[in-house]
Amino acid sequence: MNYFVIDVETPNQYNDSICAVGMQTIDDGIVTNEYYSLVNPETFFLPFNISIHGITEDMVRFSPSFPKIWSIIKEMAGDRVFVAHNAPFDINVLIKCINKYSLEPYEFHYLDTVRIGRSLCKDWPRHCGAFRLPNMSLRLGVELDHHHNAMSDTRACGGILMKLLSIYKFNPEDFLSHSSSVKPEAPVLL
């Protein structure tokens, strides 16, 4: 199985726009490509979000908007399985962005390294935060240079997946999830 690892950063609490994206392809266990970009979310930034990732409106003013980045994501992902740490968050942000810009619907097939870790690492502590990216990186000896930098987080997530595959020899298909950007139709009221 080949993988497309992704991490996004958001400018505000709505999680329907992104201000940075990090991407990595892993083919046959080897990193084959990486890409990072700031993204103009075409919306406002909250001080809370800025305090997490350090990205400001001025920094993204001349960056590409989501539709341009989405075409790069799709091309780079190809037929690979998406991978993210706490993947439901990243996948839901992408789905909201696709719908916000009325882009062509997309079906996601993805792995969540948090879910995989919780299932496989039975001897790890179960305290709050044990499976956060910095903690999993530290326990597995995976480098994490700058948490909440989308490229750094992407590299750490890819490293975590490769370490877990090496240690536990599991079948990734057992952890595969699916989600779609197709909006469910509203029920017809008679």
N, C-alpha and C. Protein backbone atom coordinates (compact mmCIF):
# COMPACT_ATOMS: atom_id res chain seq x y z
N MET A 1 0.85 -1.18 0.00
CA MET A 1 0.00 0.00 0.00
C MET A 1 0.89 1.24 0.00
N ASN A 2 0.54 2.22 -0.82
CA ASN A 2 1.26 3.50 -0.87
C ASN A 2 0.42 4.57 -0.19
N TYR A 3 1.11 5.57 0.37
CA TYR A 3 0.45 6.51 1.27
C TYR A 3 0.66 7.96 0.86
N PHE A 4 -0.35 8.77 1.17
CA PHE A 4 -0.29 10.22 1.00
C PHE A 4 -0.55 10.81 2.38
N VAL A 5 0.50 11.34 3.01
CA VAL A 5 0.41 11.88 4.36
C VAL A 5 0.14 13.38 4.27
N ILE A 6 -0.78 13.86 5.10
CA ILE A 6 -1.17 15.28 5.01
C ILE A 6 -1.44 15.85 6.40
N ASP A 7 -1.13 17.12 6.55
CA ASP A 7 -1.49 17.87 7.75
C ASP A 7 -1.91 19.26 7.31
N VAL A 8 -2.99 19.77 7.92
CA VAL A 8 -3.45 21.12 7.61
C VAL A 8 -3.51 21.94 8.90
N GLU A 9 -3.32 23.23 8.74
CA GLU A 9 -3.50 24.19 9.83
C GLU A 9 -4.65 25.11 9.44
N THR A 10 -5.43 25.52 10.43
CA THR A 10 -6.64 26.32 10.18
C THR A 10 -6.53 27.71 10.80
N PRO A 11 -7.18 28.72 10.20
CA PRO A 11 -7.08 30.08 10.70
C PRO A 11 -8.07 30.44 11.81
N ASN A 12 -9.14 29.65 11.95
CA ASN A 12 -10.15 30.00 12.95
C ASN A 12 -10.92 28.75 13.39
N GLN A 13 -11.91 28.95 14.22
CA GLN A 13 -12.64 27.84 14.84
C GLN A 13 -13.59 27.10 13.90
N TYR A 14 -13.85 27.64 12.74
CA TYR A 14 -14.84 27.02 11.85
C TYR A 14 -14.29 25.79 11.11
N ASN A 15 -12.99 25.69 11.00
CA ASN A 15 -12.35 24.55 10.35
C ASN A 15 -12.91 24.27 8.96
N ASP A 16 -13.24 25.36 8.24
CA ASP A 16 -13.70 25.21 6.86
C ASP A 16 -12.76 25.92 5.89
N SER A 17 -11.53 26.17 6.35
CA SER A 17 -10.50 26.79 5.53
C SER A 17 -9.15 26.39 6.10
N ILE A 18 -8.12 26.48 5.26
CA ILE A 18 -6.78 26.15 5.74
C ILE A 18 -5.83 27.31 5.45
N CYS A 19 -4.81 27.41 6.28
CA CYS A 19 -3.80 28.46 6.07
C CYS A 19 -2.42 27.86 5.81
N ALA A 20 -2.28 26.53 5.95
CA ALA A 20 -1.03 25.86 5.62
C ALA A 20 -1.31 24.38 5.41
N VAL A 21 -0.52 23.78 4.53
CA VAL A 21 -0.65 22.35 4.27
C VAL A 21 0.75 21.75 4.07
N GLY A 22 0.93 20.57 4.65
CA GLY A 22 2.14 19.79 4.42
C GLY A 22 1.72 18.45 3.85
N MET A 23 2.47 17.96 2.85
CA MET A 23 2.12 16.70 2.19
C MET A 23 3.38 15.89 1.93
N GLN A 24 3.19 14.57 1.94
CA GLN A 24 4.30 13.66 1.71
C GLN A 24 3.75 12.39 1.06
N THR A 25 4.44 11.86 0.08
CA THR A 25 4.07 10.57 -0.48
C THR A 25 5.08 9.54 0.00
N ILE A 26 4.56 8.36 0.33
CA ILE A 26 5.39 7.23 0.74
C ILE A 26 5.01 6.06 -0.14
N ASP A 27 5.95 5.63 -0.97
CA ASP A 27 5.74 4.51 -1.88
C ASP A 27 6.71 3.40 -1.54
N ASP A 28 6.16 2.21 -1.31
CA ASP A 28 6.97 1.05 -0.93
C ASP A 28 7.87 1.36 0.26
N GLY A 29 7.34 2.11 1.23
CA GLY A 29 8.07 2.40 2.46
C GLY A 29 9.09 3.51 2.36
N ILE A 30 9.17 4.19 1.21
CA ILE A 30 10.17 5.24 1.00
C ILE A 30 9.46 6.56 0.69
N VAL A 31 9.90 7.64 1.34
CA VAL A 31 9.36 8.97 1.04
C VAL A 31 9.81 9.35 -0.37
N THR A 32 8.82 9.60 -1.24
CA THR A 32 9.14 9.90 -2.63
C THR A 32 8.89 11.35 -3.03
N ASN A 33 8.12 12.08 -2.22
CA ASN A 33 7.85 13.48 -2.57
C ASN A 33 7.33 14.21 -1.34
N GLU A 34 7.62 15.49 -1.26
CA GLU A 34 7.09 16.34 -0.19
C GLU A 34 6.69 17.69 -0.78
N TYR A 35 5.72 18.31 -0.14
CA TYR A 35 5.26 19.62 -0.59
C TYR A 35 4.71 20.37 0.63
N TYR A 36 5.04 21.66 0.71
CA TYR A 36 4.52 22.52 1.77
C TYR A 36 4.10 23.83 1.14
N SER A 37 2.99 24.38 1.62
CA SER A 37 2.58 25.70 1.16
C SER A 37 1.74 26.39 2.24
N LEU A 38 1.95 27.68 2.34
CA LEU A 38 0.97 28.50 3.04
C LEU A 38 -0.22 28.62 2.10
N VAL A 39 -1.39 28.84 2.66
CA VAL A 39 -2.61 28.91 1.86
C VAL A 39 -3.39 30.15 2.31
N ASN A 40 -3.88 30.90 1.34
CA ASN A 40 -4.73 32.04 1.67
C ASN A 40 -6.14 31.51 1.93
N PRO A 41 -6.60 31.55 3.18
CA PRO A 41 -7.90 30.97 3.49
C PRO A 41 -9.07 31.86 3.09
N GLU A 42 -8.77 33.07 2.67
CA GLU A 42 -9.80 34.03 2.26
C GLU A 42 -10.85 34.23 3.35
N THR A 43 -10.37 34.24 4.58
CA THR A 43 -11.22 34.47 5.74
C THR A 43 -10.36 35.03 6.86
N PHE A 44 -10.94 35.25 8.02
CA PHE A 44 -10.24 35.86 9.15
C PHE A 44 -9.45 34.83 9.97
N PHE A 45 -8.47 35.36 10.71
CA PHE A 45 -7.67 34.55 11.62
C PHE A 45 -8.04 34.92 13.05
N LEU A 46 -8.08 33.93 13.90
CA LEU A 46 -8.28 34.17 15.33
C LEU A 46 -6.93 34.17 16.04
N PRO A 47 -6.76 35.04 17.05
CA PRO A 47 -5.51 35.05 17.81
C PRO A 47 -5.18 33.67 18.40
N PHE A 48 -6.19 32.91 18.82
CA PHE A 48 -5.93 31.57 19.38
C PHE A 48 -5.24 30.68 18.35
N ASN A 49 -5.76 30.65 17.13
CA ASN A 49 -5.15 29.81 16.09
C ASN A 49 -3.74 30.29 15.75
N ILE A 50 -3.56 31.60 15.67
CA ILE A 50 -2.24 32.16 15.40
C ILE A 50 -1.26 31.74 16.50
N SER A 51 -1.73 31.71 17.75
CA SER A 51 -0.84 31.32 18.86
C SER A 51 -0.41 29.85 18.75
N ILE A 52 -1.19 29.04 18.07
CA ILE A 52 -0.84 27.63 17.91
C ILE A 52 0.19 27.43 16.79
N HIS A 53 -0.10 27.98 15.60
CA HIS A 53 0.78 27.70 14.46
C HIS A 53 1.65 28.87 14.02
N GLY A 54 1.39 30.07 14.51
CA GLY A 54 2.23 31.23 14.20
C GLY A 54 1.99 31.83 12.83
N ILE A 55 0.96 31.40 12.13
CA ILE A 55 0.68 31.92 10.79
C ILE A 55 -0.32 33.08 10.89
N THR A 56 -0.02 34.18 10.21
CA THR A 56 -0.86 35.37 10.27
C THR A 56 -1.44 35.69 8.88
N GLU A 57 -2.43 36.58 8.87
CA GLU A 57 -3.04 37.02 7.61
C GLU A 57 -2.00 37.60 6.66
N ASP A 58 -1.07 38.40 7.19
CA ASP A 58 -0.04 39.00 6.34
C ASP A 58 0.83 37.95 5.67
N MET A 59 1.10 36.86 6.36
CA MET A 59 1.96 35.81 5.82
C MET A 59 1.34 35.09 4.63
N VAL A 60 0.02 35.00 4.58
CA VAL A 60 -0.65 34.23 3.53
C VAL A 60 -1.28 35.10 2.44
N ARG A 61 -1.14 36.40 2.57
CA ARG A 61 -1.83 37.34 1.67
C ARG A 61 -1.65 36.99 0.19
N PHE A 62 -0.46 36.59 -0.22
CA PHE A 62 -0.18 36.31 -1.64
C PHE A 62 -0.02 34.81 -1.91
N SER A 63 -0.48 33.99 -0.99
CA SER A 63 -0.41 32.53 -1.15
C SER A 63 -1.61 32.04 -1.96
N PRO A 64 -1.50 30.85 -2.55
CA PRO A 64 -2.64 30.31 -3.31
C PRO A 64 -3.82 30.02 -2.40
N SER A 65 -5.02 30.09 -2.97
CA SER A 65 -6.23 29.74 -2.22
C SER A 65 -6.46 28.23 -2.32
N PHE A 66 -7.46 27.75 -1.61
CA PHE A 66 -7.69 26.31 -1.54
C PHE A 66 -7.90 25.63 -2.90
N PRO A 67 -8.69 26.18 -3.84
CA PRO A 67 -8.87 25.46 -5.10
C PRO A 67 -7.55 25.10 -5.81
N LYS A 68 -6.60 26.02 -5.79
CA LYS A 68 -5.28 25.73 -6.41
C LYS A 68 -4.57 24.63 -5.62
N ILE A 69 -4.60 24.73 -4.30
CA ILE A 69 -3.95 23.72 -3.46
C ILE A 69 -4.64 22.36 -3.61
N TRP A 70 -5.98 22.38 -3.73
CA TRP A 70 -6.71 21.12 -3.87
C TRP A 70 -6.28 20.37 -5.13
N SER A 71 -6.04 21.10 -6.22
CA SER A 71 -5.59 20.42 -7.44
C SER A 71 -4.21 19.79 -7.22
N ILE A 72 -3.36 20.44 -6.45
CA ILE A 72 -2.04 19.87 -6.13
C ILE A 72 -2.20 18.65 -5.23
N ILE A 73 -3.09 18.75 -4.23
CA ILE A 73 -3.34 17.61 -3.33
C ILE A 73 -3.80 16.40 -4.13
N LYS A 74 -4.80 16.58 -4.99
CA LYS A 74 -5.34 15.45 -5.76
C LYS A 74 -4.28 14.83 -6.66
N GLU A 75 -3.50 15.68 -7.32
CA GLU A 75 -2.45 15.18 -8.21
C GLU A 75 -1.40 14.40 -7.44
N MET A 76 -0.97 14.96 -6.33
CA MET A 76 0.07 14.31 -5.53
C MET A 76 -0.46 13.03 -4.87
N ALA A 77 -1.70 13.05 -4.41
CA ALA A 77 -2.27 11.88 -3.74
C ALA A 77 -2.46 10.73 -4.71
N GLY A 78 -2.89 11.04 -5.93
CA GLY A 78 -3.14 9.98 -6.90
C GLY A 78 -4.07 8.93 -6.32
N ASP A 79 -3.69 7.67 -6.39
CA ASP A 79 -4.52 6.60 -5.84
C ASP A 79 -3.99 6.10 -4.49
N ARG A 80 -3.15 6.90 -3.86
CA ARG A 80 -2.61 6.53 -2.55
C ARG A 80 -3.66 6.71 -1.46
N VAL A 81 -3.45 6.03 -0.35
CA VAL A 81 -4.33 6.16 0.81
C VAL A 81 -3.89 7.38 1.61
N PHE A 82 -4.84 8.25 1.97
CA PHE A 82 -4.55 9.42 2.80
C PHE A 82 -4.17 8.93 4.20
N VAL A 83 -3.25 9.63 4.84
CA VAL A 83 -2.84 9.34 6.21
C VAL A 83 -2.72 10.67 6.94
N ALA A 84 -3.26 10.73 8.16
CA ALA A 84 -3.09 11.92 8.98
C ALA A 84 -3.14 11.51 10.45
N HIS A 85 -2.59 12.35 11.29
CA HIS A 85 -2.63 12.12 12.73
C HIS A 85 -3.89 12.81 13.24
N ASN A 86 -4.79 12.04 13.81
CA ASN A 86 -6.15 12.50 14.12
C ASN A 86 -6.85 12.85 12.80
N ALA A 87 -6.82 11.89 11.88
CA ALA A 87 -7.29 12.07 10.51
C ALA A 87 -8.71 12.62 10.38
N PRO A 88 -9.66 12.25 11.25
CA PRO A 88 -11.00 12.83 11.06
C PRO A 88 -10.97 14.36 11.03
N PHE A 89 -10.08 14.98 11.81
CA PHE A 89 -9.99 16.44 11.78
C PHE A 89 -9.56 16.92 10.39
N ASP A 90 -8.41 16.45 9.90
CA ASP A 90 -7.87 16.92 8.62
C ASP A 90 -8.82 16.59 7.47
N ILE A 91 -9.38 15.40 7.46
CA ILE A 91 -10.29 15.00 6.38
C ILE A 91 -11.55 15.87 6.41
N ASN A 92 -12.09 16.13 7.59
CA ASN A 92 -13.28 16.99 7.69
C ASN A 92 -13.00 18.42 7.25
N VAL A 93 -11.82 18.94 7.56
CA VAL A 93 -11.46 20.28 7.09
C VAL A 93 -11.41 20.27 5.56
N LEU A 94 -10.78 19.26 4.97
CA LEU A 94 -10.73 19.18 3.50
C LEU A 94 -12.13 19.09 2.90
N ILE A 95 -12.99 18.28 3.50
CA ILE A 95 -14.37 18.15 3.00
C ILE A 95 -15.10 19.48 3.08
N LYS A 96 -14.96 20.19 4.19
CA LYS A 96 -15.61 21.50 4.31
C LYS A 96 -15.08 22.48 3.27
N CYS A 97 -13.79 22.44 3.00
CA CYS A 97 -13.21 23.33 1.98
C CYS A 97 -13.72 22.97 0.58
N ILE A 98 -13.78 21.69 0.27
CA ILE A 98 -14.30 21.25 -1.03
C ILE A 98 -15.72 21.77 -1.21
N ASN A 99 -16.53 21.61 -0.20
CA ASN A 99 -17.93 22.06 -0.28
C ASN A 99 -18.05 23.58 -0.30
N LYS A 100 -17.21 24.26 0.47
CA LYS A 100 -17.24 25.73 0.52
C LYS A 100 -16.97 26.33 -0.86
N TYR A 101 -16.05 25.71 -1.61
CA TYR A 101 -15.70 26.21 -2.94
C TYR A 101 -16.48 25.51 -4.06
N SER A 102 -17.42 24.66 -3.69
CA SER A 102 -18.23 23.92 -4.67
C SER A 102 -17.37 23.15 -5.67
N LEU A 103 -16.35 22.49 -5.15
CA LEU A 103 -15.47 21.69 -6.00
C LEU A 103 -16.07 20.31 -6.20
N GLU A 104 -15.56 19.60 -7.18
CA GLU A 104 -16.07 18.25 -7.49
C GLU A 104 -15.96 17.35 -6.26
N PRO A 105 -17.00 16.58 -5.97
CA PRO A 105 -16.98 15.68 -4.80
C PRO A 105 -15.79 14.73 -4.85
N TYR A 106 -15.34 14.35 -3.67
CA TYR A 106 -14.16 13.49 -3.56
C TYR A 106 -14.40 12.44 -2.49
N GLU A 107 -13.96 11.22 -2.75
CA GLU A 107 -14.09 10.12 -1.79
C GLU A 107 -12.71 9.89 -1.16
N PHE A 108 -12.65 10.00 0.16
CA PHE A 108 -11.39 9.80 0.88
C PHE A 108 -11.32 8.38 1.42
N HIS A 109 -10.16 7.76 1.24
CA HIS A 109 -9.82 6.49 1.89
C HIS A 109 -8.60 6.83 2.74
N TYR A 110 -8.72 6.65 4.04
CA TYR A 110 -7.65 7.17 4.90
C TYR A 110 -7.37 6.29 6.11
N LEU A 111 -6.16 6.52 6.64
CA LEU A 111 -5.71 5.90 7.88
C LEU A 111 -5.46 7.01 8.90
N ASP A 112 -5.78 6.70 10.15
CA ASP A 112 -5.57 7.64 11.25
C ASP A 112 -4.51 7.04 12.19
N THR A 113 -3.35 7.69 12.28
CA THR A 113 -2.28 7.15 13.12
C THR A 113 -2.62 7.17 14.61
N VAL A 114 -3.53 8.05 15.03
CA VAL A 114 -3.98 8.00 16.43
C VAL A 114 -4.76 6.70 16.68
N ARG A 115 -5.70 6.42 15.82
CA ARG A 115 -6.52 5.21 15.96
C ARG A 115 -5.65 3.95 15.91
N ILE A 116 -4.70 3.93 14.97
CA ILE A 116 -3.81 2.77 14.84
C ILE A 116 -2.99 2.62 16.12
N GLY A 117 -2.44 3.72 16.61
CA GLY A 117 -1.64 3.68 17.83
C GLY A 117 -2.43 3.19 19.03
N ARG A 118 -3.62 3.71 19.20
CA ARG A 118 -4.46 3.28 20.34
C ARG A 118 -4.79 1.79 20.26
N SER A 119 -4.97 1.28 19.05
CA SER A 119 -5.31 -0.13 18.89
C SER A 119 -4.11 -1.05 19.11
N LEU A 120 -2.95 -0.63 18.65
CA LEU A 120 -1.79 -1.52 18.68
C LEU A 120 -0.91 -1.38 19.92
N CYS A 121 -0.79 -0.18 20.44
CA CYS A 121 0.15 0.09 21.54
C CYS A 121 -0.54 -0.13 22.88
N LYS A 122 -0.87 -1.36 23.15
CA LYS A 122 -1.64 -1.72 24.35
C LYS A 122 -0.90 -1.43 25.65
N ASP A 123 0.43 -1.45 25.62
CA ASP A 123 1.21 -1.25 26.84
C ASP A 123 1.51 0.23 27.12
N TRP A 124 1.05 1.13 26.27
CA TRP A 124 1.27 2.55 26.48
C TRP A 124 0.30 3.08 27.52
N PRO A 125 0.68 4.15 28.23
CA PRO A 125 -0.26 4.77 29.18
C PRO A 125 -1.51 5.26 28.45
N ARG A 126 -2.61 5.29 29.14
CA ARG A 126 -3.88 5.71 28.54
C ARG A 126 -4.30 7.09 29.02
N HIS A 127 -3.36 7.88 29.56
CA HIS A 127 -3.71 9.22 30.02
C HIS A 127 -4.02 10.14 28.84
N CYS A 128 -4.71 11.19 29.15
CA CYS A 128 -5.07 12.19 28.14
C CYS A 128 -3.80 12.71 27.48
N GLY A 129 -3.73 12.63 26.20
CA GLY A 129 -2.57 13.15 25.47
C GLY A 129 -1.52 12.12 25.13
N ALA A 130 -1.66 10.89 25.59
CA ALA A 130 -0.64 9.87 25.34
C ALA A 130 -0.43 9.64 23.84
N PHE A 131 -1.48 9.85 23.05
CA PHE A 131 -1.38 9.58 21.62
C PHE A 131 -1.36 10.86 20.78
N ARG A 132 -1.07 11.99 21.43
CA ARG A 132 -0.85 13.23 20.69
C ARG A 132 0.42 13.08 19.86
N LEU A 133 0.53 13.83 18.80
CA LEU A 133 1.67 13.72 17.89
C LEU A 133 3.03 13.85 18.59
N PRO A 134 3.24 14.85 19.46
CA PRO A 134 4.55 14.94 20.11
C PRO A 134 4.86 13.72 20.99
N ASN A 135 3.85 13.22 21.68
CA ASN A 135 4.07 12.08 22.57
C ASN A 135 4.34 10.79 21.81
N MET A 136 3.57 10.55 20.76
CA MET A 136 3.82 9.35 19.95
C MET A 136 5.17 9.44 19.26
N SER A 137 5.52 10.62 18.76
CA SER A 137 6.82 10.80 18.12
C SER A 137 7.95 10.48 19.08
N LEU A 138 7.86 11.00 20.28
CA LEU A 138 8.89 10.77 21.29
C LEU A 138 9.00 9.28 21.64
N ARG A 139 7.88 8.63 21.91
CA ARG A 139 7.89 7.20 22.28
C ARG A 139 8.45 6.31 21.18
N LEU A 140 8.18 6.69 19.93
CA LEU A 140 8.62 5.85 18.80
C LEU A 140 9.97 6.29 18.23
N GLY A 141 10.54 7.38 18.74
CA GLY A 141 11.83 7.85 18.23
C GLY A 141 11.72 8.49 16.86
N VAL A 142 10.58 9.15 16.60
CA VAL A 142 10.35 9.82 15.32
C VAL A 142 10.59 11.31 15.51
N GLU A 143 11.32 11.91 14.59
CA GLU A 143 11.65 13.33 14.70
C GLU A 143 10.41 14.20 14.49
N LEU A 144 10.26 15.19 15.34
CA LEU A 144 9.23 16.22 15.21
C LEU A 144 9.90 17.55 15.53
N ASP A 145 10.28 18.26 14.48
CA ASP A 145 11.04 19.50 14.64
C ASP A 145 10.23 20.62 15.28
N HIS A 146 9.05 20.84 14.74
CA HIS A 146 8.28 22.02 15.14
C HIS A 146 6.79 21.68 15.07
N HIS A 147 6.24 21.27 16.20
CA HIS A 147 4.83 20.88 16.23
C HIS A 147 3.94 22.04 15.80
N HIS A 148 2.96 21.75 14.98
CA HIS A 148 2.01 22.67 14.36
C HIS A 148 2.59 23.43 13.17
N ASN A 149 3.77 23.01 12.71
CA ASN A 149 4.21 23.38 11.37
C ASN A 149 3.73 22.23 10.50
N ALA A 150 2.92 22.53 9.48
CA ALA A 150 2.26 21.47 8.71
C ALA A 150 3.25 20.48 8.10
N MET A 151 4.42 20.93 7.64
CA MET A 151 5.38 20.00 7.05
C MET A 151 6.03 19.13 8.12
N SER A 152 6.38 19.74 9.23
CA SER A 152 6.98 18.98 10.33
C SER A 152 6.01 17.92 10.86
N ASP A 153 4.75 18.31 11.02
CA ASP A 153 3.74 17.37 11.50
C ASP A 153 3.51 16.24 10.49
N THR A 154 3.53 16.58 9.21
CA THR A 154 3.36 15.57 8.16
C THR A 154 4.49 14.55 8.22
N ARG A 155 5.72 15.05 8.31
CA ARG A 155 6.88 14.13 8.38
C ARG A 155 6.79 13.23 9.60
N ALA A 156 6.39 13.80 10.74
CA ALA A 156 6.27 12.99 11.96
C ALA A 156 5.19 11.93 11.80
N CYS A 157 4.06 12.30 11.22
CA CYS A 157 2.96 11.36 11.01
C CYS A 157 3.41 10.21 10.10
N GLY A 158 4.07 10.55 9.01
CA GLY A 158 4.58 9.51 8.11
C GLY A 158 5.57 8.60 8.82
N GLY A 159 6.44 9.20 9.66
CA GLY A 159 7.40 8.41 10.42
C GLY A 159 6.73 7.49 11.43
N ILE A 160 5.68 7.99 12.06
CA ILE A 160 4.91 7.17 13.02
C ILE A 160 4.29 5.98 12.31
N LEU A 161 3.67 6.22 11.16
CA LEU A 161 3.06 5.12 10.41
C LEU A 161 4.10 4.06 10.06
N MET A 162 5.25 4.49 9.54
CA MET A 162 6.29 3.54 9.15
C MET A 162 6.83 2.76 10.34
N LYS A 163 6.99 3.45 11.49
CA LYS A 163 7.46 2.76 12.71
C LYS A 163 6.45 1.72 13.17
N LEU A 164 5.16 2.12 13.20
CA LEU A 164 4.12 1.18 13.64
C LEU A 164 4.04 -0.02 12.71
N LEU A 165 4.15 0.21 11.41
CA LEU A 165 4.15 -0.90 10.45
C LEU A 165 5.34 -1.82 10.69
N SER A 166 6.50 -1.25 10.98
CA SER A 166 7.71 -2.04 11.22
C SER A 166 7.62 -2.85 12.51
N ILE A 167 7.10 -2.24 13.56
CA ILE A 167 7.04 -2.90 14.87
C ILE A 167 5.94 -3.95 14.92
N TYR A 168 4.73 -3.58 14.46
CA TYR A 168 3.56 -4.43 14.67
C TYR A 168 3.15 -5.27 13.46
N LYS A 169 3.76 -5.00 12.30
CA LYS A 169 3.48 -5.81 11.10
C LYS A 169 1.98 -6.02 10.86
N PHE A 170 1.19 -4.96 11.02
CA PHE A 170 -0.26 -5.06 10.88
C PHE A 170 -0.68 -4.85 9.43
N ASN A 171 -1.91 -5.22 9.13
CA ASN A 171 -2.47 -5.00 7.81
C ASN A 171 -3.19 -3.65 7.82
N PRO A 172 -2.66 -2.66 7.09
CA PRO A 172 -3.28 -1.33 7.08
C PRO A 172 -4.75 -1.34 6.67
N GLU A 173 -5.13 -2.29 5.84
CA GLU A 173 -6.53 -2.35 5.39
C GLU A 173 -7.49 -2.57 6.56
N ASP A 174 -6.99 -3.15 7.65
CA ASP A 174 -7.83 -3.34 8.84
C ASP A 174 -8.21 -2.02 9.50
N PHE A 175 -7.48 -0.96 9.18
CA PHE A 175 -7.71 0.35 9.80
C PHE A 175 -8.23 1.39 8.81
N LEU A 176 -8.52 0.97 7.60
CA LEU A 176 -8.94 1.89 6.55
C LEU A 176 -10.33 2.46 6.84
N SER A 177 -10.46 3.78 6.73
CA SER A 177 -11.75 4.47 6.89
C SER A 177 -12.10 5.17 5.59
N HIS A 178 -13.36 5.50 5.44
CA HIS A 178 -13.85 6.16 4.24
C HIS A 178 -14.70 7.37 4.63
N SER A 179 -14.59 8.40 3.82
CA SER A 179 -15.42 9.57 4.01
C SER A 179 -15.58 10.25 2.66
N SER A 180 -16.66 10.97 2.48
CA SER A 180 -16.93 11.59 1.19
C SER A 180 -17.32 13.05 1.38
N SER A 181 -16.98 13.85 0.37
CA SER A 181 -17.37 15.26 0.41
C SER A 181 -18.77 15.47 -0.15
N VAL A 182 -19.41 14.39 -0.56
CA VAL A 182 -20.78 14.51 -1.07
C VAL A 182 -21.69 14.85 0.10
N LYS A 183 -22.42 15.94 -0.05
CA LYS A 183 -23.35 16.35 1.00
C LYS A 183 -24.56 15.43 0.98
N PRO A 184 -24.97 14.93 2.15
CA PRO A 184 -26.19 14.10 2.16
C PRO A 184 -27.39 14.96 1.75
N GLU A 185 -28.27 14.34 1.02
CA GLU A 185 -29.46 15.08 0.58
C GLU A 185 -30.38 15.30 1.77
N ALA A 186 -30.99 16.47 1.80
CA ALA A 186 -31.94 16.79 2.86
C ALA A 186 -33.18 15.92 2.67
N PRO A 187 -33.77 15.46 3.76
CA PRO A 187 -34.98 14.65 3.62
C PRO A 187 -36.11 15.50 3.01
N VAL A 188 -36.89 14.85 2.22
CA VAL A 188 -38.03 15.51 1.60
C VAL A 188 -39.19 15.47 2.58
N LEU A 189 -39.71 16.63 2.92
CA LEU A 189 -40.84 16.70 3.84
C LEU A 189 -42.13 16.78 3.03
N LEU A 190 -43.06 15.93 3.35
CA LEU A 190 -44.34 15.91 2.62
C LEU A 190 -45.40 16.64 3.39
